[in-house]
Amino acid sequence: MTEHAKNKNAGQGRFSQMPQHKRLLGVWWVLNMLVLGALAAYVLRVLALS
């Protein structure tokens, strides 16, 4: 019975980590979009000034 409980807990732990991983991916994606947007705006400004 203890083995079964251990396996069940391990499965739950793996499951509870998935949403967090997706959240981190979402945050990382948003940060990348912001950085790319800032770079694009900077490049456009430099091109417009020159």
PDB file of N, CA and C in Angstrom:
ATOM      1  N   MET A   1       0.838  -1.204   0.000  1.00  0.00           N
ATOM      2  CA  MET A   1       0.000   0.000   0.000  1.00  0.00           C
ATOM      3  C   MET A   1       0.877   1.261   0.000  1.00  0.00           C
ATOM      4  N   THR A   2       1.975   1.223   0.743  1.00  0.00           N
ATOM      5  CA  THR A   2       2.827   2.418   0.793  1.00  0.00           C
ATOM      6  C   THR A   2       3.435   2.694  -0.585  1.00  0.00           C
ATOM      7  N   GLU A   3       3.807   1.636  -1.313  1.00  0.00           N
ATOM      8  CA  GLU A   3       4.362   1.818  -2.655  1.00  0.00           C
ATOM      9  C   GLU A   3       3.346   2.513  -3.554  1.00  0.00           C
ATOM     10  N   HIS A   4       2.098   2.052  -3.460  1.00  0.00           N
ATOM     11  CA  HIS A   4       1.039   2.637  -4.290  1.00  0.00           C
ATOM     12  C   HIS A   4       0.861   4.120  -3.947  1.00  0.00           C
ATOM     13  N   ALA A   5       0.884   4.436  -2.659  1.00  0.00           N
ATOM     14  CA  ALA A   5       0.725   5.825  -2.224  1.00  0.00           C
ATOM     15  C   ALA A   5       1.884   6.667  -2.759  1.00  0.00           C
ATOM     16  N   LYS A   6       3.091   6.096  -2.722  1.00  0.00           N
ATOM     17  CA  LYS A   6       4.269   6.819  -3.227  1.00  0.00           C
ATOM     18  C   LYS A   6       4.101   7.133  -4.713  1.00  0.00           C
ATOM     19  N   ASN A   7       3.685   6.118  -5.475  1.00  0.00           N
ATOM     20  CA  ASN A   7       3.495   6.309  -6.913  1.00  0.00           C
ATOM     21  C   ASN A   7       2.434   7.366  -7.187  1.00  0.00           C
ATOM     22  N   LYS A   8       1.365   7.338  -6.400  1.00  0.00           N
ATOM     23  CA  LYS A   8       0.280   8.305  -6.584  1.00  0.00           C
ATOM     24  C   LYS A   8       0.801   9.721  -6.306  1.00  0.00           C
ATOM     25  N   ASN A   9       1.569   9.871  -5.231  1.00  0.00           N
ATOM     26  CA  ASN A   9       2.116  11.182  -4.883  1.00  0.00           C
ATOM     27  C   ASN A   9       3.074  11.668  -5.968  1.00  0.00           C
ATOM     28  N   ALA A  10       3.881  10.753  -6.499  1.00  0.00           N
ATOM     29  CA  ALA A  10       4.831  11.120  -7.548  1.00  0.00           C
ATOM     30  C   ALA A  10       4.073  11.624  -8.772  1.00  0.00           C
ATOM     31  N   GLY A  11       2.986  10.936  -9.117  1.00  0.00           N
ATOM     32  CA  GLY A  11       2.177  11.339 -10.266  1.00  0.00           C
ATOM     33  C   GLY A  11       1.573  12.707 -10.051  1.00  0.00           C
ATOM     34  N   GLN A  12       1.078  12.964  -8.842  1.00  0.00           N
ATOM     35  CA  GLN A  12       0.476  14.264  -8.539  1.00  0.00           C
ATOM     36  C   GLN A  12       1.536  15.360  -8.613  1.00  0.00           C
ATOM     37  N   GLY A  13       2.738  15.066  -8.112  1.00  0.00           N
ATOM     38  CA  GLY A  13       3.810  16.051  -8.138  1.00  0.00           C
ATOM     39  C   GLY A  13       4.156  16.427  -9.565  1.00  0.00           C
ATOM     40  N   ARG A  14       4.233  15.419 -10.442  1.00  0.00           N
ATOM     41  CA  ARG A  14       4.558  15.674 -11.836  1.00  0.00           C
ATOM     42  C   ARG A  14       3.438  16.507 -12.470  1.00  0.00           C
ATOM     43  N   PHE A  15       2.217  16.210 -12.069  1.00  0.00           N
ATOM     44  CA  PHE A  15       1.059  16.905 -12.631  1.00  0.00           C
ATOM     45  C   PHE A  15       1.027  18.368 -12.195  1.00  0.00           C
ATOM     46  N   SER A  16       1.326  18.608 -10.920  1.00  0.00           N
ATOM     47  CA  SER A  16       1.239  19.974 -10.388  1.00  0.00           C
ATOM     48  C   SER A  16       2.364  20.844 -10.944  1.00  0.00           C
ATOM     49  N   GLN A  17       3.431  20.216 -11.447  1.00  0.00           N
ATOM     50  CA  GLN A  17       4.539  20.995 -12.007  1.00  0.00           C
ATOM     51  C   GLN A  17       4.211  21.505 -13.409  1.00  0.00           C
ATOM     52  N   MET A  18       3.341  20.792 -14.125  1.00  0.00           N
ATOM     53  CA  MET A  18       3.052  21.156 -15.512  1.00  0.00           C
ATOM     54  C   MET A  18       2.469  22.563 -15.677  1.00  0.00           C
ATOM     55  N   PRO A  19       1.429  22.933 -14.916  1.00  0.00           N
ATOM     56  CA  PRO A  19       0.891  24.287 -15.088  1.00  0.00           C
ATOM     57  C   PRO A  19       1.935  25.368 -14.797  1.00  0.00           C
ATOM     58  N   GLN A  20       2.770  25.125 -13.792  1.00  0.00           N
ATOM     59  CA  GLN A  20       3.809  26.104 -13.447  1.00  0.00           C
ATOM     60  C   GLN A  20       4.761  26.267 -14.635  1.00  0.00           C
ATOM     61  N   HIS A  21       5.116  25.143 -15.265  1.00  0.00           N
ATOM     62  CA  HIS A  21       6.013  25.175 -16.410  1.00  0.00           C
ATOM     63  C   HIS A  21       5.382  25.988 -17.543  1.00  0.00           C
ATOM     64  N   LYS A  22       4.079  25.771 -17.758  1.00  0.00           N
ATOM     65  CA  LYS A  22       3.381  26.508 -18.816  1.00  0.00           C
ATOM     66  C   LYS A  22       3.335  27.996 -18.485  1.00  0.00           C
ATOM     67  N   ARG A  23       3.149  28.307 -17.197  1.00  0.00           N
ATOM     68  CA  ARG A  23       3.102  29.705 -16.777  1.00  0.00           C
ATOM     69  C   ARG A  23       4.460  30.359 -17.050  1.00  0.00           C
ATOM     70  N   LEU A  24       5.543  29.643 -16.706  1.00  0.00           N
ATOM     71  CA  LEU A  24       6.887  30.180 -16.937  1.00  0.00           C
ATOM     72  C   LEU A  24       7.110  30.403 -18.427  1.00  0.00           C
ATOM     73  N   LEU A  25       6.637  29.450 -19.244  1.00  0.00           N
ATOM     74  CA  LEU A  25       6.779  29.582 -20.693  1.00  0.00           C
ATOM     75  C   LEU A  25       6.030  30.819 -21.176  1.00  0.00           C
ATOM     76  N   GLY A  26       4.840  31.047 -20.633  1.00  0.00           N
ATOM     77  CA  GLY A  26       4.040  32.210 -21.017  1.00  0.00           C
ATOM     78  C   GLY A  26       4.746  33.507 -20.664  1.00  0.00           C
ATOM     79  N   VAL A  27       5.287  33.554 -19.451  1.00  0.00           N
ATOM     80  CA  VAL A  27       6.004  34.759 -19.003  1.00  0.00           C
ATOM     81  C   VAL A  27       7.224  34.998 -19.888  1.00  0.00           C
ATOM     82  N   TRP A  28       7.960  33.911 -20.186  1.00  0.00           N
ATOM     83  CA  TRP A  28       9.158  33.998 -21.032  1.00  0.00           C
ATOM     84  C   TRP A  28       8.788  34.505 -22.419  1.00  0.00           C
ATOM     85  N   TRP A  29       7.652  34.005 -22.951  1.00  0.00           N
ATOM     86  CA  TRP A  29       7.192  34.410 -24.281  1.00  0.00           C
ATOM     87  C   TRP A  29       6.853  35.896 -24.295  1.00  0.00           C
ATOM     88  N   VAL A  30       6.132  36.350 -23.257  1.00  0.00           N
ATOM     89  CA  VAL A  30       5.745  37.764 -23.165  1.00  0.00           C
ATOM     90  C   VAL A  30       6.994  38.640 -23.069  1.00  0.00           C
ATOM     91  N   LEU A  31       7.963  38.209 -22.263  1.00  0.00           N
ATOM     92  CA  LEU A  31       9.202  38.986 -22.127  1.00  0.00           C
ATOM     93  C   LEU A  31       9.921  39.074 -23.467  1.00  0.00           C
ATOM     94  N   ASN A  32       9.985  37.956 -24.183  1.00  0.00           N
ATOM     95  CA  ASN A  32      10.630  37.951 -25.497  1.00  0.00           C
ATOM     96  C   ASN A  32       9.920  38.905 -26.446  1.00  0.00           C
ATOM     97  N   MET A  33       8.575  38.893 -26.414  1.00  0.00           N
ATOM     98  CA  MET A  33       7.807  39.781 -27.286  1.00  0.00           C
ATOM     99  C   MET A  33       8.115  41.248 -26.954  1.00  0.00           C
ATOM    100  N   LEU A  34       8.190  41.564 -25.646  1.00  0.00           N
ATOM    101  CA  LEU A  34       8.479  42.940 -25.229  1.00  0.00           C
ATOM    102  C   LEU A  34       9.870  43.361 -25.702  1.00  0.00           C
ATOM    103  N   VAL A  35      10.844  42.473 -25.529  1.00  0.00           N
ATOM    104  CA  VAL A  35      12.222  42.783 -25.940  1.00  0.00           C
ATOM    105  C   VAL A  35      12.284  42.981 -27.452  1.00  0.00           C
ATOM    106  N   LEU A  36      11.630  42.082 -28.196  1.00  0.00           N
ATOM    107  CA  LEU A  36      11.635  42.199 -29.656  1.00  0.00           C
ATOM    108  C   LEU A  36      10.940  43.489 -30.090  1.00  0.00           C
ATOM    109  N   GLY A  37       9.846  43.827 -29.420  1.00  0.00           N
ATOM    110  CA  GLY A  37       9.122  45.052 -29.743  1.00  0.00           C
ATOM    111  C   GLY A  37       9.983  46.280 -29.481  1.00  0.00           C
ATOM    112  N   ALA A  38      10.689  46.280 -28.356  1.00  0.00           N
ATOM    113  CA  ALA A  38      11.556  47.404 -28.009  1.00  0.00           C
ATOM    114  C   ALA A  38      12.689  47.529 -29.025  1.00  0.00           C
ATOM    115  N   LEU A  39      13.269  46.390 -29.413  1.00  0.00           N
ATOM    116  CA  LEU A  39      14.347  46.406 -30.405  1.00  0.00           C
ATOM    117  C   LEU A  39      13.836  46.940 -31.736  1.00  0.00           C
ATOM    118  N   ALA A  40      12.658  46.486 -32.146  1.00  0.00           N
ATOM    119  CA  ALA A  40      12.080  46.930 -33.418  1.00  0.00           C
ATOM    120  C   ALA A  40      11.831  48.438 -33.380  1.00  0.00           C
ATOM    121  N   ALA A  41      11.280  48.935 -32.264  1.00  0.00           N
ATOM    122  CA  ALA A  41      11.005  50.367 -32.131  1.00  0.00           C
ATOM    123  C   ALA A  41      12.311  51.159 -32.186  1.00  0.00           C
ATOM    124  N   TYR A  42      13.347  50.640 -31.522  1.00  0.00           N
ATOM    125  CA  TYR A  42      14.651  51.317 -31.503  1.00  0.00           C
ATOM    126  C   TYR A  42      15.244  51.384 -32.911  1.00  0.00           C
ATOM    127  N   VAL A  43      15.201  50.255 -33.615  1.00  0.00           N
ATOM    128  CA  VAL A  43      15.740  50.202 -34.984  1.00  0.00           C
ATOM    129  C   VAL A  43      14.976  51.165 -35.887  1.00  0.00           C
ATOM    130  N   LEU A  44      13.646  51.168 -35.765  1.00  0.00           N
ATOM    131  CA  LEU A  44      12.832  52.070 -36.596  1.00  0.00           C
ATOM    132  C   LEU A  44      13.172  53.527 -36.296  1.00  0.00           C
ATOM    133  N   ARG A  45      13.381  53.845 -35.009  1.00  0.00           N
ATOM    134  CA  ARG A  45      13.706  55.215 -34.623  1.00  0.00           C
ATOM    135  C   ARG A  45      15.062  55.613 -35.212  1.00  0.00           C
ATOM    136  N   VAL A  46      16.031  54.711 -35.122  1.00  0.00           N
ATOM    137  CA  VAL A  46      17.371  54.997 -35.655  1.00  0.00           C
ATOM    138  C   VAL A  46      17.295  55.200 -37.166  1.00  0.00           C
ATOM    139  N   LEU A  47      16.525  54.339 -37.846  1.00  0.00           N
ATOM    140  CA  LEU A  47      16.387  54.463 -39.297  1.00  0.00           C
ATOM    141  C   LEU A  47      15.685  55.771 -39.657  1.00  0.00           C
ATOM    142  N   ALA A  48      14.693  56.154 -38.865  1.00  0.00           N
ATOM    143  CA  ALA A  48      13.942  57.382 -39.143  1.00  0.00           C
ATOM    144  C   ALA A  48      14.832  58.612 -38.941  1.00  0.00           C
ATOM    145  N   LEU A  49      15.731  58.558 -37.950  1.00  0.00           N
ATOM    146  CA  LEU A  49      16.597  59.702 -37.655  1.00  0.00           C
ATOM    147  C   LEU A  49      17.702  59.848 -38.698  1.00  0.00           C
ATOM    148  N   SER A  50      18.206  58.742 -39.208  1.00  0.00           N
ATOM    149  CA  SER A  50      19.342  58.809 -40.123  1.00  0.00           C
ATOM    150  C   SER A  50      18.944  59.220 -41.540  1.00  0.00           C
TER     151      SER A  50
END
